Amino acid sequence: MFKAKILFVGPNESGKTVLANFLSDTTENVGGEYRPTQGVRILEFESQPEGSSDKSCEVELWDCSGDFKFESCWPAIMKDSSGVVIIFNPDVPSHLKEIEMWHSMFISSQGLQDSQCLLIAHHKPGSGVEDRRLPLASHLSRLLLIHSNLEEEPEDVRQAFCRYLGNVVNAMSESREREEMSIIT
């Protein structure tokens, strides 16, 4: 069974914790007021990655704080990560600019493949924003982008995450095979 370490990163108040709780079936602070994550929160659960030959995958979901006072911890948090999900609120114009920085710090620096990365435009309850095309930088437009709305289509978000997880598991499997072949040859 594969174990995938997935980082949830992005600006403060973008919905990282809400999505992490939803995907892991954690019922912490449901309907409560906003409390920023301090450092990182690690949630562990099993999931069924779509398109993967394995039946299930252990997921370690690292819900990272968007506060720059924890920046010195980020290299340790990134160590051995299998994938990165950048979550942002498309209603906040500064988030569109900030995701470029998150990409640079968490994706480019680790040399992850595009298939190991996911952008989630998280729509907060009552935002009224539709799944419109967002003005992303060219290097970001290569990444899979999903719109999440947990009020209207929560299972679509779960299915999209399972498809993404399948991509991560496949990338991990290919990497493991290459490593094994390099030992043999």
C-alpha atoms as a PDB file:
ATOM      1  CA  MET A   1       0.000   0.000   0.000  1.00  0.00           C
ATOM      2  CA  PHE A   2       1.294   3.444  -0.879  1.00  0.00           C
ATOM      3  CA  LYS A   3       1.568   6.183   1.701  1.00  0.00           C
ATOM      4  CA  ALA A   4       1.196   9.654   0.213  1.00  0.00           C
ATOM      5  CA  LYS A   5       2.261  12.808   2.034  1.00  0.00           C
ATOM      6  CA  ILE A   6       0.156  15.621   0.579  1.00  0.00           C
ATOM      7  CA  LEU A   7       0.744  19.248   1.564  1.00  0.00           C
ATOM      8  CA  PHE A   8      -2.173  21.705   1.642  1.00  0.00           C
ATOM      9  CA  VAL A   9      -0.643  25.170   1.260  1.00  0.00           C
ATOM     10  CA  GLY A  10      -1.866  28.635   0.382  1.00  0.00           C
ATOM     11  CA  PRO A  11      -2.834  32.000   1.808  1.00  0.00           C
ATOM     12  CA  ASN A  12      -4.538  32.377   5.188  1.00  0.00           C
ATOM     13  CA  GLU A  13      -8.333  32.139   5.116  1.00  0.00           C
ATOM     14  CA  SER A  14      -8.400  30.293   1.801  1.00  0.00           C
ATOM     15  CA  GLY A  15     -10.211  27.181   3.053  1.00  0.00           C
ATOM     16  CA  LYS A  16      -7.309  24.731   3.572  1.00  0.00           C
ATOM     17  CA  THR A  17      -8.549  23.454   6.937  1.00  0.00           C
ATOM     18  CA  VAL A  18     -12.184  23.213   5.807  1.00  0.00           C
ATOM     19  CA  LEU A  19     -11.155  21.115   2.790  1.00  0.00           C
ATOM     20  CA  ALA A  20      -8.707  19.013   4.842  1.00  0.00           C
ATOM     21  CA  ASN A  21     -11.434  18.264   7.395  1.00  0.00           C
ATOM     22  CA  PHE A  22     -13.922  17.407   4.646  1.00  0.00           C
ATOM     23  CA  LEU A  23     -11.582  15.081   2.724  1.00  0.00           C
ATOM     24  CA  SER A  24     -10.441  13.280   5.894  1.00  0.00           C
ATOM     25  CA  ASP A  25     -13.963  13.146   7.393  1.00  0.00           C
ATOM     26  CA  THR A  26     -12.740  15.090  10.421  1.00  0.00           C
ATOM     27  CA  THR A  27     -15.402  17.052  12.276  1.00  0.00           C
ATOM     28  CA  GLU A  28     -13.212  19.560  14.066  1.00  0.00           C
ATOM     29  CA  ASN A  29     -14.622  23.074  14.580  1.00  0.00           C
ATOM     30  CA  VAL A  30     -17.488  22.541  12.111  1.00  0.00           C
ATOM     31  CA  GLY A  31     -19.395  25.804  11.761  1.00  0.00           C
ATOM     32  CA  GLY A  32     -17.041  27.532  14.181  1.00  0.00           C
ATOM     33  CA  GLU A  33     -15.289  30.831  13.727  1.00  0.00           C
ATOM     34  CA  TYR A  34     -12.016  31.116  11.828  1.00  0.00           C
ATOM     35  CA  ARG A  35      -8.979  29.978  13.791  1.00  0.00           C
ATOM     36  CA  PRO A  36      -5.735  30.043  11.799  1.00  0.00           C
ATOM     37  CA  THR A  37      -3.669  26.849  11.813  1.00  0.00           C
ATOM     38  CA  GLN A  38      -0.543  27.204  13.932  1.00  0.00           C
ATOM     39  CA  GLY A  39       2.367  25.674  12.001  1.00  0.00           C
ATOM     40  CA  VAL A  40       0.889  22.493  10.581  1.00  0.00           C
ATOM     41  CA  ARG A  41      -1.863  19.975  11.331  1.00  0.00           C
ATOM     42  CA  ILE A  42      -1.431  16.390  10.135  1.00  0.00           C
ATOM     43  CA  LEU A  43      -4.513  14.343   9.271  1.00  0.00           C
ATOM     44  CA  GLU A  44      -4.200  10.654   8.414  1.00  0.00           C
ATOM     45  CA  PHE A  45      -6.817   8.649   6.536  1.00  0.00           C
ATOM     46  CA  GLU A  46      -7.256   6.050   3.812  1.00  0.00           C
ATOM     47  CA  SER A  47      -8.524   6.946   0.378  1.00  0.00           C
ATOM     48  CA  GLN A  48      -9.266   5.189  -2.892  1.00  0.00           C
ATOM     49  CA  PRO A  49      -7.070   6.836  -5.537  1.00  0.00           C
ATOM     50  CA  GLU A  50      -8.745   6.803  -8.937  1.00  0.00           C
ATOM     51  CA  GLY A  51      -6.827   5.098 -11.736  1.00  0.00           C
ATOM     52  CA  SER A  52      -4.393   3.459  -9.345  1.00  0.00           C
ATOM     53  CA  SER A  53      -3.784  -0.273  -9.331  1.00  0.00           C
ATOM     54  CA  ASP A  54      -3.716  -0.333  -5.526  1.00  0.00           C
ATOM     55  CA  LYS A  55      -7.002  -0.722  -3.671  1.00  0.00           C
ATOM     56  CA  SER A  56      -6.377   2.095  -1.222  1.00  0.00           C
ATOM     57  CA  CYS A  57      -3.742   4.579  -0.180  1.00  0.00           C
ATOM     58  CA  GLU A  58      -2.754   5.903   3.213  1.00  0.00           C
ATOM     59  CA  VAL A  59      -2.868   9.685   3.066  1.00  0.00           C
ATOM     60  CA  GLU A  60      -0.955  11.974   5.363  1.00  0.00           C
ATOM     61  CA  LEU A  61      -2.522  15.349   4.705  1.00  0.00           C
ATOM     62  CA  TRP A  62      -0.414  18.214   6.038  1.00  0.00           C
ATOM     63  CA  ASP A  63      -2.640  21.271   6.538  1.00  0.00           C
ATOM     64  CA  CYS A  64       0.007  24.023   6.559  1.00  0.00           C
ATOM     65  CA  SER A  65      -0.422  27.488   7.990  1.00  0.00           C
ATOM     66  CA  GLY A  66      -0.418  30.315   5.463  1.00  0.00           C
ATOM     67  CA  ASP A  67       1.318  32.578   7.978  1.00  0.00           C
ATOM     68  CA  PHE A  68       4.842  33.579   6.982  1.00  0.00           C
ATOM     69  CA  LYS A  69       6.005  33.489  10.601  1.00  0.00           C
ATOM     70  CA  PHE A  70       6.223  29.687  10.059  1.00  0.00           C
ATOM     71  CA  GLU A  71       8.322  30.002   6.875  1.00  0.00           C
ATOM     72  CA  SER A  72      11.431  28.676   8.636  1.00  0.00           C
ATOM     73  CA  CYS A  73       9.544  25.378   9.229  1.00  0.00           C
ATOM     74  CA  TRP A  74       8.518  24.902   5.585  1.00  0.00           C
ATOM     75  CA  PRO A  75      11.674  23.059   4.418  1.00  0.00           C
ATOM     76  CA  ALA A  76      11.109  20.426   7.145  1.00  0.00           C
ATOM     77  CA  ILE A  77       7.409  20.214   6.251  1.00  0.00           C
ATOM     78  CA  MET A  78       8.244  19.723   2.540  1.00  0.00           C
ATOM     79  CA  LYS A  79      10.681  16.859   3.198  1.00  0.00           C
ATOM     80  CA  ASP A  80       9.495  13.643   1.503  1.00  0.00           C
ATOM     81  CA  SER A  81       6.219  15.118   0.284  1.00  0.00           C
ATOM     82  CA  SER A  82       4.451  13.248  -2.526  1.00  0.00           C
ATOM     83  CA  GLY A  83       2.274  16.097  -3.717  1.00  0.00           C
ATOM     84  CA  VAL A  84       1.221  19.685  -3.122  1.00  0.00           C
ATOM     85  CA  VAL A  85      -2.254  21.195  -3.257  1.00  0.00           C
ATOM     86  CA  ILE A  86      -2.398  24.998  -3.405  1.00  0.00           C
ATOM     87  CA  ILE A  87      -5.730  26.270  -2.097  1.00  0.00           C
ATOM     88  CA  PHE A  88      -6.861  29.838  -2.627  1.00  0.00           C
ATOM     89  CA  ASN A  89      -9.999  31.943  -2.519  1.00  0.00           C
ATOM     90  CA  PRO A  90     -10.695  33.248  -6.057  1.00  0.00           C
ATOM     91  CA  ASP A  91     -12.770  36.087  -4.568  1.00  0.00           C
ATOM     92  CA  VAL A  92      -9.635  37.609  -3.004  1.00  0.00           C
ATOM     93  CA  PRO A  93      -7.538  39.289  -5.756  1.00  0.00           C
ATOM     94  CA  SER A  94      -4.291  39.071  -3.755  1.00  0.00           C
ATOM     95  CA  HIS A  95      -4.636  35.265  -3.584  1.00  0.00           C
ATOM     96  CA  LEU A  96      -4.189  34.993  -7.369  1.00  0.00           C
ATOM     97  CA  LYS A  97      -0.795  36.698  -7.027  1.00  0.00           C
ATOM     98  CA  GLU A  98       0.157  34.813  -3.876  1.00  0.00           C
ATOM     99  CA  ILE A  99      -0.301  31.373  -5.433  1.00  0.00           C
ATOM    100  CA  GLU A 100       2.695  32.089  -7.678  1.00  0.00           C
ATOM    101  CA  MET A 101       4.841  32.439  -4.550  1.00  0.00           C
ATOM    102  CA  TRP A 102       3.377  29.221  -3.055  1.00  0.00           C
ATOM    103  CA  HIS A 103       4.154  27.422  -6.318  1.00  0.00           C
ATOM    104  CA  SER A 104       7.734  28.667  -6.266  1.00  0.00           C
ATOM    105  CA  MET A 105       8.329  27.734  -2.620  1.00  0.00           C
ATOM    106  CA  PHE A 106       6.562  24.366  -2.466  1.00  0.00           C
ATOM    107  CA  ILE A 107       6.507  22.962  -6.008  1.00  0.00           C
ATOM    108  CA  SER A 108       9.384  24.384  -8.079  1.00  0.00           C
ATOM    109  CA  SER A 109      11.857  23.998  -5.212  1.00  0.00           C
ATOM    110  CA  GLN A 110      11.053  20.264  -4.882  1.00  0.00           C
ATOM    111  CA  GLY A 111      10.987  19.532  -8.603  1.00  0.00           C
ATOM    112  CA  LEU A 112       7.555  17.919  -8.452  1.00  0.00           C
ATOM    113  CA  GLN A 113       5.848  16.881 -11.684  1.00  0.00           C
ATOM    114  CA  ASP A 114       2.718  18.772 -12.737  1.00  0.00           C
ATOM    115  CA  SER A 115       0.685  15.600 -12.058  1.00  0.00           C
ATOM    116  CA  GLN A 116       1.713  15.786  -8.390  1.00  0.00           C
ATOM    117  CA  CYS A 117       0.244  19.270  -8.024  1.00  0.00           C
ATOM    118  CA  LEU A 118      -3.290  20.568  -7.800  1.00  0.00           C
ATOM    119  CA  LEU A 119      -4.824  24.031  -7.574  1.00  0.00           C
ATOM    120  CA  ILE A 120      -8.135  24.377  -5.744  1.00  0.00           C
ATOM    121  CA  ALA A 121     -10.145  27.569  -6.135  1.00  0.00           C
ATOM    122  CA  HIS A 122     -12.201  27.255  -2.948  1.00  0.00           C
ATOM    123  CA  HIS A 123     -15.506  29.111  -3.002  1.00  0.00           C
ATOM    124  CA  LYS A 124     -16.719  30.016   0.462  1.00  0.00           C
ATOM    125  CA  PRO A 125     -20.420  29.650   1.336  1.00  0.00           C
ATOM    126  CA  GLY A 126     -22.519  32.369  -0.279  1.00  0.00           C
ATOM    127  CA  SER A 127     -19.718  33.670  -2.518  1.00  0.00           C
ATOM    128  CA  GLY A 128     -21.877  33.393  -5.625  1.00  0.00           C
ATOM    129  CA  VAL A 129     -18.772  33.110  -7.809  1.00  0.00           C
ATOM    130  CA  GLU A 130     -19.057  30.605 -10.613  1.00  0.00           C
ATOM    131  CA  ASP A 131     -16.414  28.287 -12.028  1.00  0.00           C
ATOM    132  CA  ARG A 132     -14.987  30.921 -14.318  1.00  0.00           C
ATOM    133  CA  ARG A 133     -11.639  30.990 -16.040  1.00  0.00           C
ATOM    134  CA  LEU A 134      -9.067  32.551 -13.744  1.00  0.00           C
ATOM    135  CA  PRO A 135      -6.158  34.752 -14.905  1.00  0.00           C
ATOM    136  CA  LEU A 136      -3.323  32.400 -13.897  1.00  0.00           C
ATOM    137  CA  ALA A 137       0.354  32.714 -14.773  1.00  0.00           C
ATOM    138  CA  SER A 138       1.376  30.427 -17.649  1.00  0.00           C
ATOM    139  CA  HIS A 139       3.322  27.984 -15.433  1.00  0.00           C
ATOM    140  CA  LEU A 140       0.252  27.675 -13.167  1.00  0.00           C
ATOM    141  CA  SER A 141      -2.162  27.132 -16.044  1.00  0.00           C
ATOM    142  CA  ARG A 142      -0.414  23.800 -16.753  1.00  0.00           C
ATOM    143  CA  LEU A 143      -1.598  22.478 -13.377  1.00  0.00           C
ATOM    144  CA  LEU A 144      -4.937  20.821 -12.812  1.00  0.00           C
ATOM    145  CA  LEU A 145      -7.376  23.399 -11.411  1.00  0.00           C
ATOM    146  CA  ILE A 146     -10.619  22.473  -9.712  1.00  0.00           C
ATOM    147  CA  HIS A 147     -13.268  24.699  -8.198  1.00  0.00           C
ATOM    148  CA  SER A 148     -14.597  23.549  -4.855  1.00  0.00           C
ATOM    149  CA  ASN A 149     -17.973  24.397  -3.452  1.00  0.00           C
ATOM    150  CA  LEU A 150     -18.759  22.220  -0.455  1.00  0.00           C
ATOM    151  CA  GLU A 151     -22.293  23.626  -0.187  1.00  0.00           C
ATOM    152  CA  GLU A 152     -23.412  22.644  -3.670  1.00  0.00           C
ATOM    153  CA  GLU A 153     -21.221  19.788  -4.945  1.00  0.00           C
ATOM    154  CA  PRO A 154     -19.178  18.242  -2.114  1.00  0.00           C
ATOM    155  CA  GLU A 155     -18.803  14.806  -3.725  1.00  0.00           C
ATOM    156  CA  ASP A 156     -17.392  16.394  -6.904  1.00  0.00           C
ATOM    157  CA  VAL A 157     -14.572  17.781  -4.746  1.00  0.00           C
ATOM    158  CA  ARG A 158     -13.934  14.352  -3.169  1.00  0.00           C
ATOM    159  CA  GLN A 159     -13.886  12.648  -6.605  1.00  0.00           C
ATOM    160  CA  ALA A 160     -11.506  15.270  -8.017  1.00  0.00           C
ATOM    161  CA  PHE A 161      -9.187  14.741  -5.041  1.00  0.00           C
ATOM    162  CA  CYS A 162      -9.271  10.954  -5.604  1.00  0.00           C
ATOM    163  CA  ARG A 163      -8.348  11.483  -9.284  1.00  0.00           C
ATOM    164  CA  TYR A 164      -5.474  13.741  -8.201  1.00  0.00           C
ATOM    165  CA  LEU A 165      -4.393  11.163  -5.611  1.00  0.00           C
ATOM    166  CA  GLY A 166      -4.333   8.548  -8.388  1.00  0.00           C
ATOM    167  CA  ASN A 167      -1.920  10.794 -10.335  1.00  0.00           C
ATOM    168  CA  VAL A 168       0.298  11.133  -7.241  1.00  0.00           C
ATOM    169  CA  VAL A 169       0.341   7.368  -6.595  1.00  0.00           C
ATOM    170  CA  ASN A 170       1.201   6.702 -10.259  1.00  0.00           C
ATOM    171  CA  ALA A 171       4.067   9.227 -10.097  1.00  0.00           C
ATOM    172  CA  MET A 172       5.313   7.598  -6.867  1.00  0.00           C
ATOM    173  CA  SER A 173       5.096   4.144  -8.476  1.00  0.00           C
ATOM    174  CA  GLU A 174       7.037   5.256 -11.569  1.00  0.00           C
ATOM    175  CA  SER A 175       9.683   6.876  -9.378  1.00  0.00           C
ATOM    176  CA  ARG A 176      10.028   3.698  -7.303  1.00  0.00           C
ATOM    177  CA  GLU A 177      10.373   1.589 -10.484  1.00  0.00           C
ATOM    178  CA  ARG A 178      13.087   3.905 -11.849  1.00  0.00           C
ATOM    179  CA  GLU A 179      14.925   3.693  -8.526  1.00  0.00           C
ATOM    180  CA  GLU A 180      14.726  -0.118  -8.489  1.00  0.00           C
ATOM    181  CA  MET A 181      15.954  -0.310 -12.100  1.00  0.00           C
ATOM    182  CA  SER A 182      18.926   1.954 -11.312  1.00  0.00           C
ATOM    183  CA  ILE A 183      19.915  -0.405  -8.488  1.00  0.00           C
ATOM    184  CA  ILE A 184      19.667  -3.461 -10.770  1.00  0.00           C
ATOM    185  CA  THR A 185      21.680  -1.948 -13.636  1.00  0.00           C
END
